[in-house]
Amino acid sequence: MSHALIIDENMLISRAIQRRLEMLGFESFDLVWTQQQALAAAGRHMPDLIVIGDDVETGCAVEAARRITDHHAVPVLMVTGDYTRARERLEQQEALEGPFLLNEIEAAVELANTA
């Protein structure tokens, strides 16, 4: 894997995720903070991994990931600081592992690669 799409409105969190992924060998990134930006970024450069955070400025990160993965087999990770809230948002989704805390991202990427 080399390109990751990070969807989160908090740039500090997005940069922290980027640094962790760089240590895992990712080479390029799109950091976006709205659903529309995520869809546009995936249209320009299909990611090898999508990482969604807790919130986006407009739209829904989960919906953006779902739309992208409807047409492409891309693993999706959710990194959260609020496990309970994230779990509630994801209960309607199929085939999920997580959500993951930022310090668990290495294990989450490994899990995504084997799925």
PDB file of N, CA and C in Angstrom:
ATOM      1  N   MET A   1       0.835  -1.184   0.000  1.00  0.00           N
ATOM      2  CA  MET A   1       0.000   0.000   0.000  1.00  0.00           C
ATOM      3  C   MET A   1       0.875   1.240   0.000  1.00  0.00           C
ATOM      4  N   SER A   2       0.397   2.268  -0.701  1.00  0.00           N
ATOM      5  CA  SER A   2       1.215   3.467  -0.702  1.00  0.00           C
ATOM      6  C   SER A   2       0.426   4.764  -0.579  1.00  0.00           C
ATOM      7  N   HIS A   3      -0.880   4.784  -0.904  1.00  0.00           N
ATOM      8  CA  HIS A   3      -1.637   6.030  -0.848  1.00  0.00           C
ATOM      9  C   HIS A   3      -2.809   5.891   0.123  1.00  0.00           C
ATOM     10  N   ALA A   4      -2.922   6.867   1.041  1.00  0.00           N
ATOM     11  CA  ALA A   4      -3.996   6.841   2.030  1.00  0.00           C
ATOM     12  C   ALA A   4      -4.843   8.102   1.927  1.00  0.00           C
ATOM     13  N   LEU A   5      -6.132   7.928   2.108  1.00  0.00           N
ATOM     14  CA  LEU A   5      -7.089   9.025   2.192  1.00  0.00           C
ATOM     15  C   LEU A   5      -7.493   9.139   3.650  1.00  0.00           C
ATOM     16  N   ILE A   6      -7.221  10.295   4.252  1.00  0.00           N
ATOM     17  CA  ILE A   6      -7.542  10.533   5.657  1.00  0.00           C
ATOM     18  C   ILE A   6      -8.664  11.563   5.710  1.00  0.00           C
ATOM     19  N   ILE A   7      -9.780  11.159   6.307  1.00  0.00           N
ATOM     20  CA  ILE A   7     -10.971  12.013   6.348  1.00  0.00           C
ATOM     21  C   ILE A   7     -11.248  12.394   7.799  1.00  0.00           C
ATOM     22  N   ASP A   8     -10.934  13.643   8.150  1.00  0.00           N
ATOM     23  CA  ASP A   8     -11.182  14.138   9.508  1.00  0.00           C
ATOM     24  C   ASP A   8     -11.047  15.651   9.496  1.00  0.00           C
ATOM     25  N   GLU A   9     -11.885  16.339  10.257  1.00  0.00           N
ATOM     26  CA  GLU A   9     -11.831  17.798  10.272  1.00  0.00           C
ATOM     27  C   GLU A   9     -10.685  18.336  11.122  1.00  0.00           C
ATOM     28  N   ASN A  10     -10.110  17.532  11.981  1.00  0.00           N
ATOM     29  CA  ASN A  10      -9.034  17.977  12.857  1.00  0.00           C
ATOM     30  C   ASN A  10      -7.682  17.702  12.186  1.00  0.00           C
ATOM     31  N   MET A  11      -7.033  18.762  11.718  1.00  0.00           N
ATOM     32  CA  MET A  11      -5.768  18.598  10.998  1.00  0.00           C
ATOM     33  C   MET A  11      -4.653  18.061  11.895  1.00  0.00           C
ATOM     34  N   LEU A  12      -4.688  18.360  13.176  1.00  0.00           N
ATOM     35  CA  LEU A  12      -3.667  17.805  14.070  1.00  0.00           C
ATOM     36  C   LEU A  12      -3.780  16.284  14.133  1.00  0.00           C
ATOM     37  N   ILE A  13      -5.007  15.797  14.231  1.00  0.00           N
ATOM     38  CA  ILE A  13      -5.240  14.347  14.248  1.00  0.00           C
ATOM     39  C   ILE A  13      -4.854  13.750  12.900  1.00  0.00           C
ATOM     40  N   SER A  14      -5.257  14.401  11.820  1.00  0.00           N
ATOM     41  CA  SER A  14      -4.933  13.890  10.482  1.00  0.00           C
ATOM     42  C   SER A  14      -3.423  13.788  10.282  1.00  0.00           C
ATOM     43  N   ARG A  15      -2.694  14.788  10.723  1.00  0.00           N
ATOM     44  CA  ARG A  15      -1.222  14.753  10.593  1.00  0.00           C
ATOM     45  C   ARG A  15      -0.624  13.651  11.467  1.00  0.00           C
ATOM     46  N   ALA A  16      -1.167  13.430  12.636  1.00  0.00           N
ATOM     47  CA  ALA A  16      -0.671  12.349  13.492  1.00  0.00           C
ATOM     48  C   ALA A  16      -0.912  10.994  12.832  1.00  0.00           C
ATOM     49  N   ILE A  17      -2.090  10.817  12.232  1.00  0.00           N
ATOM     50  CA  ILE A  17      -2.376   9.578  11.501  1.00  0.00           C
ATOM     51  C   ILE A  17      -1.419   9.438  10.337  1.00  0.00           C
ATOM     52  N   GLN A  18      -1.180  10.517   9.608  1.00  0.00           N
ATOM     53  CA  GLN A  18      -0.256  10.487   8.474  1.00  0.00           C
ATOM     54  C   GLN A  18       1.133  10.035   8.913  1.00  0.00           C
ATOM     55  N   ARG A  19       1.627  10.605  10.007  1.00  0.00           N
ATOM     56  CA  ARG A  19       2.965  10.215  10.492  1.00  0.00           C
ATOM     57  C   ARG A  19       3.020   8.729  10.833  1.00  0.00           C
ATOM     58  N   ARG A  20       1.964   8.211  11.460  1.00  0.00           N
ATOM     59  CA  ARG A  20       1.944   6.781  11.804  1.00  0.00           C
ATOM     60  C   ARG A  20       1.937   5.923  10.547  1.00  0.00           C
ATOM     61  N   LEU A  21       1.176   6.340   9.546  1.00  0.00           N
ATOM     62  CA  LEU A  21       1.111   5.582   8.298  1.00  0.00           C
ATOM     63  C   LEU A  21       2.417   5.668   7.515  1.00  0.00           C
ATOM     64  N   GLU A  22       3.097   6.796   7.590  1.00  0.00           N
ATOM     65  CA  GLU A  22       4.412   6.916   6.937  1.00  0.00           C
ATOM     66  C   GLU A  22       5.380   5.887   7.499  1.00  0.00           C
ATOM     67  N   MET A  23       5.306   5.651   8.797  1.00  0.00           N
ATOM     68  CA  MET A  23       6.177   4.651   9.423  1.00  0.00           C
ATOM     69  C   MET A  23       5.845   3.246   8.934  1.00  0.00           C
ATOM     70  N   LEU A  24       4.624   3.065   8.402  1.00  0.00           N
ATOM     71  CA  LEU A  24       4.202   1.760   7.883  1.00  0.00           C
ATOM     72  C   LEU A  24       4.438   1.646   6.374  1.00  0.00           C
ATOM     73  N   GLY A  25       5.040   2.671   5.776  1.00  0.00           N
ATOM     74  CA  GLY A  25       5.392   2.596   4.367  1.00  0.00           C
ATOM     75  C   GLY A  25       4.496   3.357   3.414  1.00  0.00           C
ATOM     76  N   PHE A  26       3.492   4.041   3.904  1.00  0.00           N
ATOM     77  CA  PHE A  26       2.661   4.848   3.015  1.00  0.00           C
ATOM     78  C   PHE A  26       3.461   6.043   2.522  1.00  0.00           C
ATOM     79  N   GLU A  27       3.288   6.344   1.251  1.00  0.00           N
ATOM     80  CA  GLU A  27       4.123   7.371   0.629  1.00  0.00           C
ATOM     81  C   GLU A  27       3.364   8.631   0.231  1.00  0.00           C
ATOM     82  N   SER A  28       2.066   8.534  -0.005  1.00  0.00           N
ATOM     83  CA  SER A  28       1.300   9.715  -0.404  1.00  0.00           C
ATOM     84  C   SER A  28      -0.034   9.736   0.323  1.00  0.00           C
ATOM     85  N   PHE A  29      -0.578  10.945   0.451  1.00  0.00           N
ATOM     86  CA  PHE A  29      -1.764  11.138   1.273  1.00  0.00           C
ATOM     87  C   PHE A  29      -2.662  12.218   0.695  1.00  0.00           C
ATOM     88  N   ASP A  30      -3.951  12.047   0.897  1.00  0.00           N
ATOM     89  CA  ASP A  30      -4.927  13.121   0.743  1.00  0.00           C
ATOM     90  C   ASP A  30      -5.546  13.303   2.114  1.00  0.00           C
ATOM     91  N   LEU A  31      -5.460  14.516   2.650  1.00  0.00           N
ATOM     92  CA  LEU A  31      -6.067  14.853   3.927  1.00  0.00           C
ATOM     93  C   LEU A  31      -7.240  15.779   3.644  1.00  0.00           C
ATOM     94  N   VAL A  32      -8.439  15.338   3.982  1.00  0.00           N
ATOM     95  CA  VAL A  32      -9.640  16.105   3.670  1.00  0.00           C
ATOM     96  C   VAL A  32     -10.508  16.228   4.912  1.00  0.00           C
ATOM     97  N   TRP A  33     -11.417  17.200   4.908  1.00  0.00           N
ATOM     98  CA  TRP A  33     -12.242  17.438   6.081  1.00  0.00           C
ATOM     99  C   TRP A  33     -13.736  17.542   5.761  1.00  0.00           C
ATOM    100  N   THR A  34     -14.130  17.184   4.520  1.00  0.00           N
ATOM    101  CA  THR A  34     -15.554  17.110   4.182  1.00  0.00           C
ATOM    102  C   THR A  34     -15.810  15.857   3.356  1.00  0.00           C
ATOM    103  N   GLN A  35     -17.073  15.445   3.333  1.00  0.00           N
ATOM    104  CA  GLN A  35     -17.454  14.288   2.521  1.00  0.00           C
ATOM    105  C   GLN A  35     -17.173  14.551   1.046  1.00  0.00           C
ATOM    106  N   GLN A  36     -17.525  15.726   0.566  1.00  0.00           N
ATOM    107  CA  GLN A  36     -17.324  16.055  -0.844  1.00  0.00           C
ATOM    108  C   GLN A  36     -15.840  16.038  -1.227  1.00  0.00           C
ATOM    109  N   GLN A  37     -14.991  16.579  -0.365  1.00  0.00           N
ATOM    110  CA  GLN A  37     -13.554  16.548  -0.634  1.00  0.00           C
ATOM    111  C   GLN A  37     -13.041  15.111  -0.699  1.00  0.00           C
ATOM    112  N   ALA A  38     -13.565  14.247   0.159  1.00  0.00           N
ATOM    113  CA  ALA A  38     -13.138  12.846   0.167  1.00  0.00           C
ATOM    114  C   ALA A  38     -13.487  12.171  -1.153  1.00  0.00           C
ATOM    115  N   LEU A  39     -14.703  12.387  -1.634  1.00  0.00           N
ATOM    116  CA  LEU A  39     -15.116  11.783  -2.897  1.00  0.00           C
ATOM    117  C   LEU A  39     -14.290  12.318  -4.061  1.00  0.00           C
ATOM    118  N   ALA A  40     -14.022  13.611  -4.058  1.00  0.00           N
ATOM    119  CA  ALA A  40     -13.213  14.206  -5.126  1.00  0.00           C
ATOM    120  C   ALA A  40     -11.778  13.671  -5.087  1.00  0.00           C
ATOM    121  N   ALA A  41     -11.209  13.570  -3.890  1.00  0.00           N
ATOM    122  CA  ALA A  41      -9.837  13.065  -3.754  1.00  0.00           C
ATOM    123  C   ALA A  41      -9.737  11.629  -4.252  1.00  0.00           C
ATOM    124  N   ALA A  42     -10.717  10.795  -3.914  1.00  0.00           N
ATOM    125  CA  ALA A  42     -10.713   9.405  -4.374  1.00  0.00           C
ATOM    126  C   ALA A  42     -10.880   9.336  -5.884  1.00  0.00           C
ATOM    127  N   GLY A  43     -11.616  10.271  -6.455  1.00  0.00           N
ATOM    128  CA  GLY A  43     -11.764  10.323  -7.903  1.00  0.00           C
ATOM    129  C   GLY A  43     -10.466  10.662  -8.615  1.00  0.00           C
ATOM    130  N   ARG A  44      -9.655  11.489  -7.974  1.00  0.00           N
ATOM    131  CA  ARG A  44      -8.349  11.858  -8.552  1.00  0.00           C
ATOM    132  C   ARG A  44      -7.304  10.768  -8.363  1.00  0.00           C
ATOM    133  N   HIS A  45      -7.296  10.151  -7.189  1.00  0.00           N
ATOM    134  CA  HIS A  45      -6.272   9.151  -6.853  1.00  0.00           C
ATOM    135  C   HIS A  45      -6.897   8.144  -5.889  1.00  0.00           C
ATOM    136  N   MET A  46      -7.245   6.984  -6.399  1.00  0.00           N
ATOM    137  CA  MET A  46      -7.898   5.973  -5.564  1.00  0.00           C
ATOM    138  C   MET A  46      -6.944   5.541  -4.456  1.00  0.00           C
ATOM    139  N   PRO A  47      -7.396   5.621  -3.211  1.00  0.00           N
ATOM    140  CA  PRO A  47      -6.512   5.253  -2.097  1.00  0.00           C
ATOM    141  C   PRO A  47      -6.375   3.744  -1.945  1.00  0.00           C
ATOM    142  N   ASP A  48      -5.291   3.344  -1.323  1.00  0.00           N
ATOM    143  CA  ASP A  48      -5.079   1.955  -0.931  1.00  0.00           C
ATOM    144  C   ASP A  48      -5.645   1.703   0.463  1.00  0.00           C
ATOM    145  N   LEU A  49      -5.903   2.796   1.196  1.00  0.00           N
ATOM    146  CA  LEU A  49      -6.457   2.724   2.540  1.00  0.00           C
ATOM    147  C   LEU A  49      -7.219   4.020   2.800  1.00  0.00           C
ATOM    148  N   ILE A  50      -8.381   3.904   3.429  1.00  0.00           N
ATOM    149  CA  ILE A  50      -9.145   5.072   3.869  1.00  0.00           C
ATOM    150  C   ILE A  50      -9.159   5.052   5.385  1.00  0.00           C
ATOM    151  N   VAL A  51      -8.813   6.176   5.999  1.00  0.00           N
ATOM    152  CA  VAL A  51      -8.870   6.315   7.445  1.00  0.00           C
ATOM    153  C   VAL A  51      -9.848   7.439   7.755  1.00  0.00           C
ATOM    154  N   ILE A  52     -10.866   7.123   8.540  1.00  0.00           N
ATOM    155  CA  ILE A  52     -11.828   8.145   8.922  1.00  0.00           C
ATOM    156  C   ILE A  52     -11.706   8.434  10.405  1.00  0.00           C
ATOM    157  N   GLY A  53     -11.835   9.707  10.729  1.00  0.00           N
ATOM    158  CA  GLY A  53     -11.769  10.137  12.120  1.00  0.00           C
ATOM    159  C   GLY A  53     -13.150  10.327  12.692  1.00  0.00           C
ATOM    160  N   ASP A  54     -13.229  11.071  13.779  1.00  0.00           N
ATOM    161  CA  ASP A  54     -14.488  11.247  14.492  1.00  0.00           C
ATOM    162  C   ASP A  54     -15.487  12.143  13.773  1.00  0.00           C
ATOM    163  N   ASP A  55     -15.032  13.215  13.154  1.00  0.00           N
ATOM    164  CA  ASP A  55     -15.953  14.192  12.585  1.00  0.00           C
ATOM    165  C   ASP A  55     -15.409  14.766  11.291  1.00  0.00           C
ATOM    166  N   VAL A  56     -16.341  15.262  10.478  1.00  0.00           N
ATOM    167  CA  VAL A  56     -15.996  16.048   9.292  1.00  0.00           C
ATOM    168  C   VAL A  56     -16.754  17.358   9.368  1.00  0.00           C
ATOM    169  N   GLU A  57     -16.271  18.345   8.627  1.00  0.00           N
ATOM    170  CA  GLU A  57     -16.886  19.664   8.651  1.00  0.00           C
ATOM    171  C   GLU A  57     -18.299  19.628   8.068  1.00  0.00           C
ATOM    172  N   THR A  58     -18.454  18.975   6.909  1.00  0.00           N
ATOM    173  CA  THR A  58     -19.775  18.807   6.306  1.00  0.00           C
ATOM    174  C   THR A  58     -19.873  17.409   5.724  1.00  0.00           C
ATOM    175  N   GLY A  59     -21.077  16.859   5.774  1.00  0.00           N
ATOM    176  CA  GLY A  59     -21.296  15.516   5.264  1.00  0.00           C
ATOM    177  C   GLY A  59     -20.974  14.484   6.320  1.00  0.00           C
ATOM    178  N   CYS A  60     -20.609  13.285   5.860  1.00  0.00           N
ATOM    179  CA  CYS A  60     -20.370  12.154   6.751  1.00  0.00           C
ATOM    180  C   CYS A  60     -19.185  11.340   6.225  1.00  0.00           C
ATOM    181  N   ALA A  61     -18.188  11.150   7.066  1.00  0.00           N
ATOM    182  CA  ALA A  61     -17.010  10.380   6.663  1.00  0.00           C
ATOM    183  C   ALA A  61     -17.362   8.925   6.388  1.00  0.00           C
ATOM    184  N   VAL A  62     -18.255   8.356   7.180  1.00  0.00           N
ATOM    185  CA  VAL A  62     -18.658   6.968   6.982  1.00  0.00           C
ATOM    186  C   VAL A  62     -19.342   6.820   5.623  1.00  0.00           C
ATOM    187  N   GLU A  63     -20.203   7.761   5.283  1.00  0.00           N
ATOM    188  CA  GLU A  63     -20.888   7.721   3.992  1.00  0.00           C
ATOM    189  C   GLU A  63     -19.905   7.900   2.836  1.00  0.00           C
ATOM    190  N   ALA A  64     -18.933   8.782   2.990  1.00  0.00           N
ATOM    191  CA  ALA A  64     -17.916   8.959   1.947  1.00  0.00           C
ATOM    192  C   ALA A  64     -17.161   7.655   1.722  1.00  0.00           C
ATOM    193  N   ALA A  65     -16.748   7.006   2.810  1.00  0.00           N
ATOM    194  CA  ALA A  65     -16.030   5.735   2.693  1.00  0.00           C
ATOM    195  C   ALA A  65     -16.910   4.675   2.042  1.00  0.00           C
ATOM    196  N   ARG A  66     -18.180   4.643   2.418  1.00  0.00           N
ATOM    197  CA  ARG A  66     -19.100   3.665   1.837  1.00  0.00           C
ATOM    198  C   ARG A  66     -19.241   3.880   0.332  1.00  0.00           C
ATOM    199  N   ARG A  67     -19.385   5.119  -0.086  1.00  0.00           N
ATOM    200  CA  ARG A  67     -19.528   5.401  -1.517  1.00  0.00           C
ATOM    201  C   ARG A  67     -18.283   5.000  -2.299  1.00  0.00           C
ATOM    202  N   ILE A  68     -17.125   5.257  -1.740  1.00  0.00           N
ATOM    203  CA  ILE A  68     -15.872   4.886  -2.409  1.00  0.00           C
ATOM    204  C   ILE A  68     -15.754   3.371  -2.489  1.00  0.00           C
ATOM    205  N   THR A  69     -16.056   2.693  -1.392  1.00  0.00           N
ATOM    206  CA  THR A  69     -15.874   1.241  -1.361  1.00  0.00           C
ATOM    207  C   THR A  69     -16.998   0.490  -2.067  1.00  0.00           C
ATOM    208  N   ASP A  70     -18.080   1.173  -2.418  1.00  0.00           N
ATOM    209  CA  ASP A  70     -19.122   0.538  -3.232  1.00  0.00           C
ATOM    210  C   ASP A  70     -18.578   0.128  -4.597  1.00  0.00           C
ATOM    211  N   HIS A  71     -17.563   0.836  -5.059  1.00  0.00           N
ATOM    212  CA  HIS A  71     -17.027   0.610  -6.399  1.00  0.00           C
ATOM    213  C   HIS A  71     -15.585   0.097  -6.407  1.00  0.00           C
ATOM    214  N   HIS A  72     -14.919   0.158  -5.268  1.00  0.00           N
ATOM    215  CA  HIS A  72     -13.514  -0.249  -5.191  1.00  0.00           C
ATOM    216  C   HIS A  72     -13.270  -0.963  -3.859  1.00  0.00           C
ATOM    217  N   ALA A  73     -12.504  -2.018  -3.902  1.00  0.00           N
ATOM    218  CA  ALA A  73     -12.177  -2.766  -2.681  1.00  0.00           C
ATOM    219  C   ALA A  73     -11.035  -2.062  -1.958  1.00  0.00           C
ATOM    220  N   VAL A  74     -11.396  -1.174  -1.050  1.00  0.00           N
ATOM    221  CA  VAL A  74     -10.413  -0.407  -0.287  1.00  0.00           C
ATOM    222  C   VAL A  74     -10.698  -0.620   1.196  1.00  0.00           C
ATOM    223  N   PRO A  75      -9.698  -1.032   1.977  1.00  0.00           N
ATOM    224  CA  PRO A  75      -9.931  -1.169   3.417  1.00  0.00           C
ATOM    225  C   PRO A  75     -10.187   0.194   4.047  1.00  0.00           C
ATOM    226  N   VAL A  76     -11.064   0.210   5.055  1.00  0.00           N
ATOM    227  CA  VAL A  76     -11.417   1.437   5.762  1.00  0.00           C
ATOM    228  C   VAL A  76     -11.164   1.222   7.244  1.00  0.00           C
ATOM    229  N   LEU A  77     -10.441   2.163   7.840  1.00  0.00           N
ATOM    230  CA  LEU A  77     -10.202   2.149   9.279  1.00  0.00           C
ATOM    231  C   LEU A  77     -10.836   3.387   9.892  1.00  0.00           C
ATOM    232  N   MET A  78     -11.414   3.232  11.068  1.00  0.00           N
ATOM    233  CA  MET A  78     -11.892   4.390  11.815  1.00  0.00           C
ATOM    234  C   MET A  78     -11.014   4.544  13.034  1.00  0.00           C
ATOM    235  N   VAL A  79     -10.418   5.725  13.155  1.00  0.00           N
ATOM    236  CA  VAL A  79      -9.600   6.055  14.312  1.00  0.00           C
ATOM    237  C   VAL A  79     -10.406   7.047  15.139  1.00  0.00           C
ATOM    238  N   THR A  80     -10.549   6.771  16.423  1.00  0.00           N
ATOM    239  CA  THR A  80     -11.446   7.599  17.228  1.00  0.00           C
ATOM    240  C   THR A  80     -10.883   7.892  18.610  1.00  0.00           C
ATOM    241  N   GLY A  81     -11.339   8.980  19.150  1.00  0.00           N
ATOM    242  CA  GLY A  81     -11.058   9.302  20.535  1.00  0.00           C
ATOM    243  C   GLY A  81     -12.258   9.019  21.417  1.00  0.00           C
ATOM    244  N   ASP A  82     -13.389   8.684  20.792  1.00  0.00           N
ATOM    245  CA  ASP A  82     -14.639   8.427  21.504  1.00  0.00           C
ATOM    246  C   ASP A  82     -15.227   7.106  21.008  1.00  0.00           C
ATOM    247  N   TYR A  83     -14.776   6.010  21.584  1.00  0.00           N
ATOM    248  CA  TYR A  83     -15.138   4.673  21.130  1.00  0.00           C
ATOM    249  C   TYR A  83     -16.654   4.456  21.143  1.00  0.00           C
ATOM    250  N   THR A  84     -17.323   4.875  22.194  1.00  0.00           N
ATOM    251  CA  THR A  84     -18.763   4.628  22.318  1.00  0.00           C
ATOM    252  C   THR A  84     -19.533   5.334  21.209  1.00  0.00           C
ATOM    253  N   ARG A  85     -19.228   6.594  20.981  1.00  0.00           N
ATOM    254  CA  ARG A  85     -19.908   7.345  19.924  1.00  0.00           C
ATOM    255  C   ARG A  85     -19.642   6.727  18.559  1.00  0.00           C
ATOM    256  N   ALA A  86     -18.407   6.359  18.307  1.00  0.00           N
ATOM    257  CA  ALA A  86     -18.055   5.761  17.017  1.00  0.00           C
ATOM    258  C   ALA A  86     -18.773   4.430  16.827  1.00  0.00           C
ATOM    259  N   ARG A  87     -18.835   3.626  17.852  1.00  0.00           N
ATOM    260  CA  ARG A  87     -19.494   2.325  17.753  1.00  0.00           C
ATOM    261  C   ARG A  87     -20.985   2.490  17.417  1.00  0.00           C
ATOM    262  N   GLU A  88     -21.611   3.484  18.028  1.00  0.00           N
ATOM    263  CA  GLU A  88     -23.022   3.753  17.727  1.00  0.00           C
ATOM    264  C   GLU A  88     -23.210   4.132  16.258  1.00  0.00           C
ATOM    265  N   ARG A  89     -22.306   4.936  15.714  1.00  0.00           N
ATOM    266  CA  ARG A  89     -22.401   5.360  14.317  1.00  0.00           C
ATOM    267  C   ARG A  89     -22.171   4.197  13.362  1.00  0.00           C
ATOM    268  N   LEU A  90     -21.411   3.213  13.788  1.00  0.00           N
ATOM    269  CA  LEU A  90     -21.031   2.129  12.892  1.00  0.00           C
ATOM    270  C   LEU A  90     -21.907   0.891  13.012  1.00  0.00           C
ATOM    271  N   GLU A  91     -22.788   0.847  13.982  1.00  0.00           N
ATOM    272  CA  GLU A  91     -23.582  -0.367  14.202  1.00  0.00           C
ATOM    273  C   GLU A  91     -24.397  -0.783  12.996  1.00  0.00           C
ATOM    274  N   GLN A  92     -24.771   0.173  12.130  1.00  0.00           N
ATOM    275  CA  GLN A  92     -25.583  -0.166  10.971  1.00  0.00           C
ATOM    276  C   GLN A  92     -24.732  -0.697   9.812  1.00  0.00           C
ATOM    277  N   GLN A  93     -23.439  -0.598   9.898  1.00  0.00           N
ATOM    278  CA  GLN A  93     -22.561  -1.003   8.805  1.00  0.00           C
ATOM    279  C   GLN A  93     -22.270  -2.499   8.876  1.00  0.00           C
ATOM    280  N   GLU A  94     -21.855  -3.052   7.756  1.00  0.00           N
ATOM    281  CA  GLU A  94     -21.542  -4.474   7.666  1.00  0.00           C
ATOM    282  C   GLU A  94     -20.042  -4.710   7.826  1.00  0.00           C
ATOM    283  N   ALA A  95     -19.694  -5.901   8.282  1.00  0.00           N
ATOM    284  CA  ALA A  95     -18.313  -6.398   8.293  1.00  0.00           C
ATOM    285  C   ALA A  95     -17.319  -5.387   8.847  1.00  0.00           C
ATOM    286  N   LEU A  96     -17.453  -5.071  10.118  1.00  0.00           N
ATOM    287  CA  LEU A  96     -16.582  -4.071  10.719  1.00  0.00           C
ATOM    288  C   LEU A  96     -15.706  -4.665  11.800  1.00  0.00           C
ATOM    289  N   GLU A  97     -14.530  -4.128  11.891  1.00  0.00           N
ATOM    290  CA  GLU A  97     -13.642  -4.332  13.024  1.00  0.00           C
ATOM    291  C   GLU A  97     -13.350  -2.946  13.548  1.00  0.00           C
ATOM    292  N   GLY A  98     -13.302  -2.778  14.843  1.00  0.00           N
ATOM    293  CA  GLY A  98     -12.979  -1.468  15.379  1.00  0.00           C
ATOM    294  C   GLY A  98     -14.192  -0.832  16.014  1.00  0.00           C
ATOM    295  N   PRO A  99     -14.127   0.455  16.245  1.00  0.00           N
ATOM    296  CA  PRO A  99     -13.130   1.432  15.822  1.00  0.00           C
ATOM    297  C   PRO A  99     -11.814   1.270  16.584  1.00  0.00           C
ATOM    298  N   PHE A 100     -10.784   1.955  16.083  1.00  0.00           N
ATOM    299  CA  PHE A 100      -9.448   1.841  16.639  1.00  0.00           C
ATOM    300  C   PHE A 100      -8.993   3.160  17.240  1.00  0.00           C
ATOM    301  N   LEU A 101      -8.221   3.081  18.282  1.00  0.00           N
ATOM    302  CA  LEU A 101      -7.576   4.258  18.845  1.00  0.00           C
ATOM    303  C   LEU A 101      -6.317   4.544  18.032  1.00  0.00           C
ATOM    304  N   LEU A 102      -5.852   5.791  18.064  1.00  0.00           N
ATOM    305  CA  LEU A 102      -4.692   6.176  17.269  1.00  0.00           C
ATOM    306  C   LEU A 102      -3.477   5.304  17.575  1.00  0.00           C
ATOM    307  N   ASN A 103      -3.279   4.939  18.829  1.00  0.00           N
ATOM    308  CA  ASN A 103      -2.108   4.120  19.168  1.00  0.00           C
ATOM    309  C   ASN A 103      -2.263   2.660  18.741  1.00  0.00           C
ATOM    310  N   GLU A 104      -3.416   2.310  18.153  1.00  0.00           N
ATOM    311  CA  GLU A 104      -3.643   0.954  17.649  1.00  0.00           C
ATOM    312  C   GLU A 104      -3.604   0.891  16.120  1.00  0.00           C
ATOM    313  N   ILE A 105      -3.155   1.962  15.480  1.00  0.00           N
ATOM    314  CA  ILE A 105      -3.268   2.041  14.029  1.00  0.00           C
ATOM    315  C   ILE A 105      -2.412   0.990  13.323  1.00  0.00           C
ATOM    316  N   GLU A 106      -1.256   0.659  13.868  1.00  0.00           N
ATOM    317  CA  GLU A 106      -0.419  -0.349  13.228  1.00  0.00           C
ATOM    318  C   GLU A 106      -1.139  -1.691  13.143  1.00  0.00           C
ATOM    319  N   ALA A 107      -1.727  -2.119  14.267  1.00  0.00           N
ATOM    320  CA  ALA A 107      -2.476  -3.374  14.283  1.00  0.00           C
ATOM    321  C   ALA A 107      -3.692  -3.306  13.375  1.00  0.00           C
ATOM    322  N   ALA A 108      -4.340  -2.150  13.308  1.00  0.00           N
ATOM    323  CA  ALA A 108      -5.515  -1.989  12.456  1.00  0.00           C
ATOM    324  C   ALA A 108      -5.146  -2.091  10.981  1.00  0.00           C
ATOM    325  N   VAL A 109      -4.039  -1.506  10.591  1.00  0.00           N
ATOM    326  CA  VAL A 109      -3.589  -1.581   9.194  1.00  0.00           C
ATOM    327  C   VAL A 109      -3.239  -3.026   8.848  1.00  0.00           C
ATOM    328  N   GLU A 110      -2.593  -3.714   9.757  1.00  0.00           N
ATOM    329  CA  GLU A 110      -2.272  -5.119   9.526  1.00  0.00           C
ATOM    330  C   GLU A 110      -3.540  -5.958   9.354  1.00  0.00           C
ATOM    331  N   LEU A 111      -4.523  -5.706  10.185  1.00  0.00           N
ATOM    332  CA  LEU A 111      -5.797  -6.397  10.086  1.00  0.00           C
ATOM    333  C   LEU A 111      -6.476  -6.096   8.748  1.00  0.00           C
ATOM    334  N   ALA A 112      -6.450  -4.835   8.331  1.00  0.00           N
ATOM    335  CA  ALA A 112      -7.059  -4.446   7.055  1.00  0.00           C
ATOM    336  C   ALA A 112      -6.367  -5.123   5.884  1.00  0.00           C
ATOM    337  N   ASN A 113      -5.072  -5.269   5.958  1.00  0.00           N
ATOM    338  CA  ASN A 113      -4.306  -5.894   4.878  1.00  0.00           C
ATOM    339  C   ASN A 113      -4.608  -7.385   4.744  1.00  0.00           C
ATOM    340  N   THR A 114      -4.977  -8.017   5.844  1.00  0.00           N
ATOM    341  CA  THR A 114      -5.243  -9.458   5.787  1.00  0.00           C
ATOM    342  C   THR A 114      -6.707  -9.782   5.492  1.00  0.00           C
ATOM    343  N   ALA A 115      -7.574  -8.780   5.601  1.00  0.00           N
ATOM    344  CA  ALA A 115      -9.013  -9.005   5.363  1.00  0.00           C
ATOM    345  C   ALA A 115      -9.316  -9.185   3.890  1.00  0.00           C
TER     346      ALA A 115
END
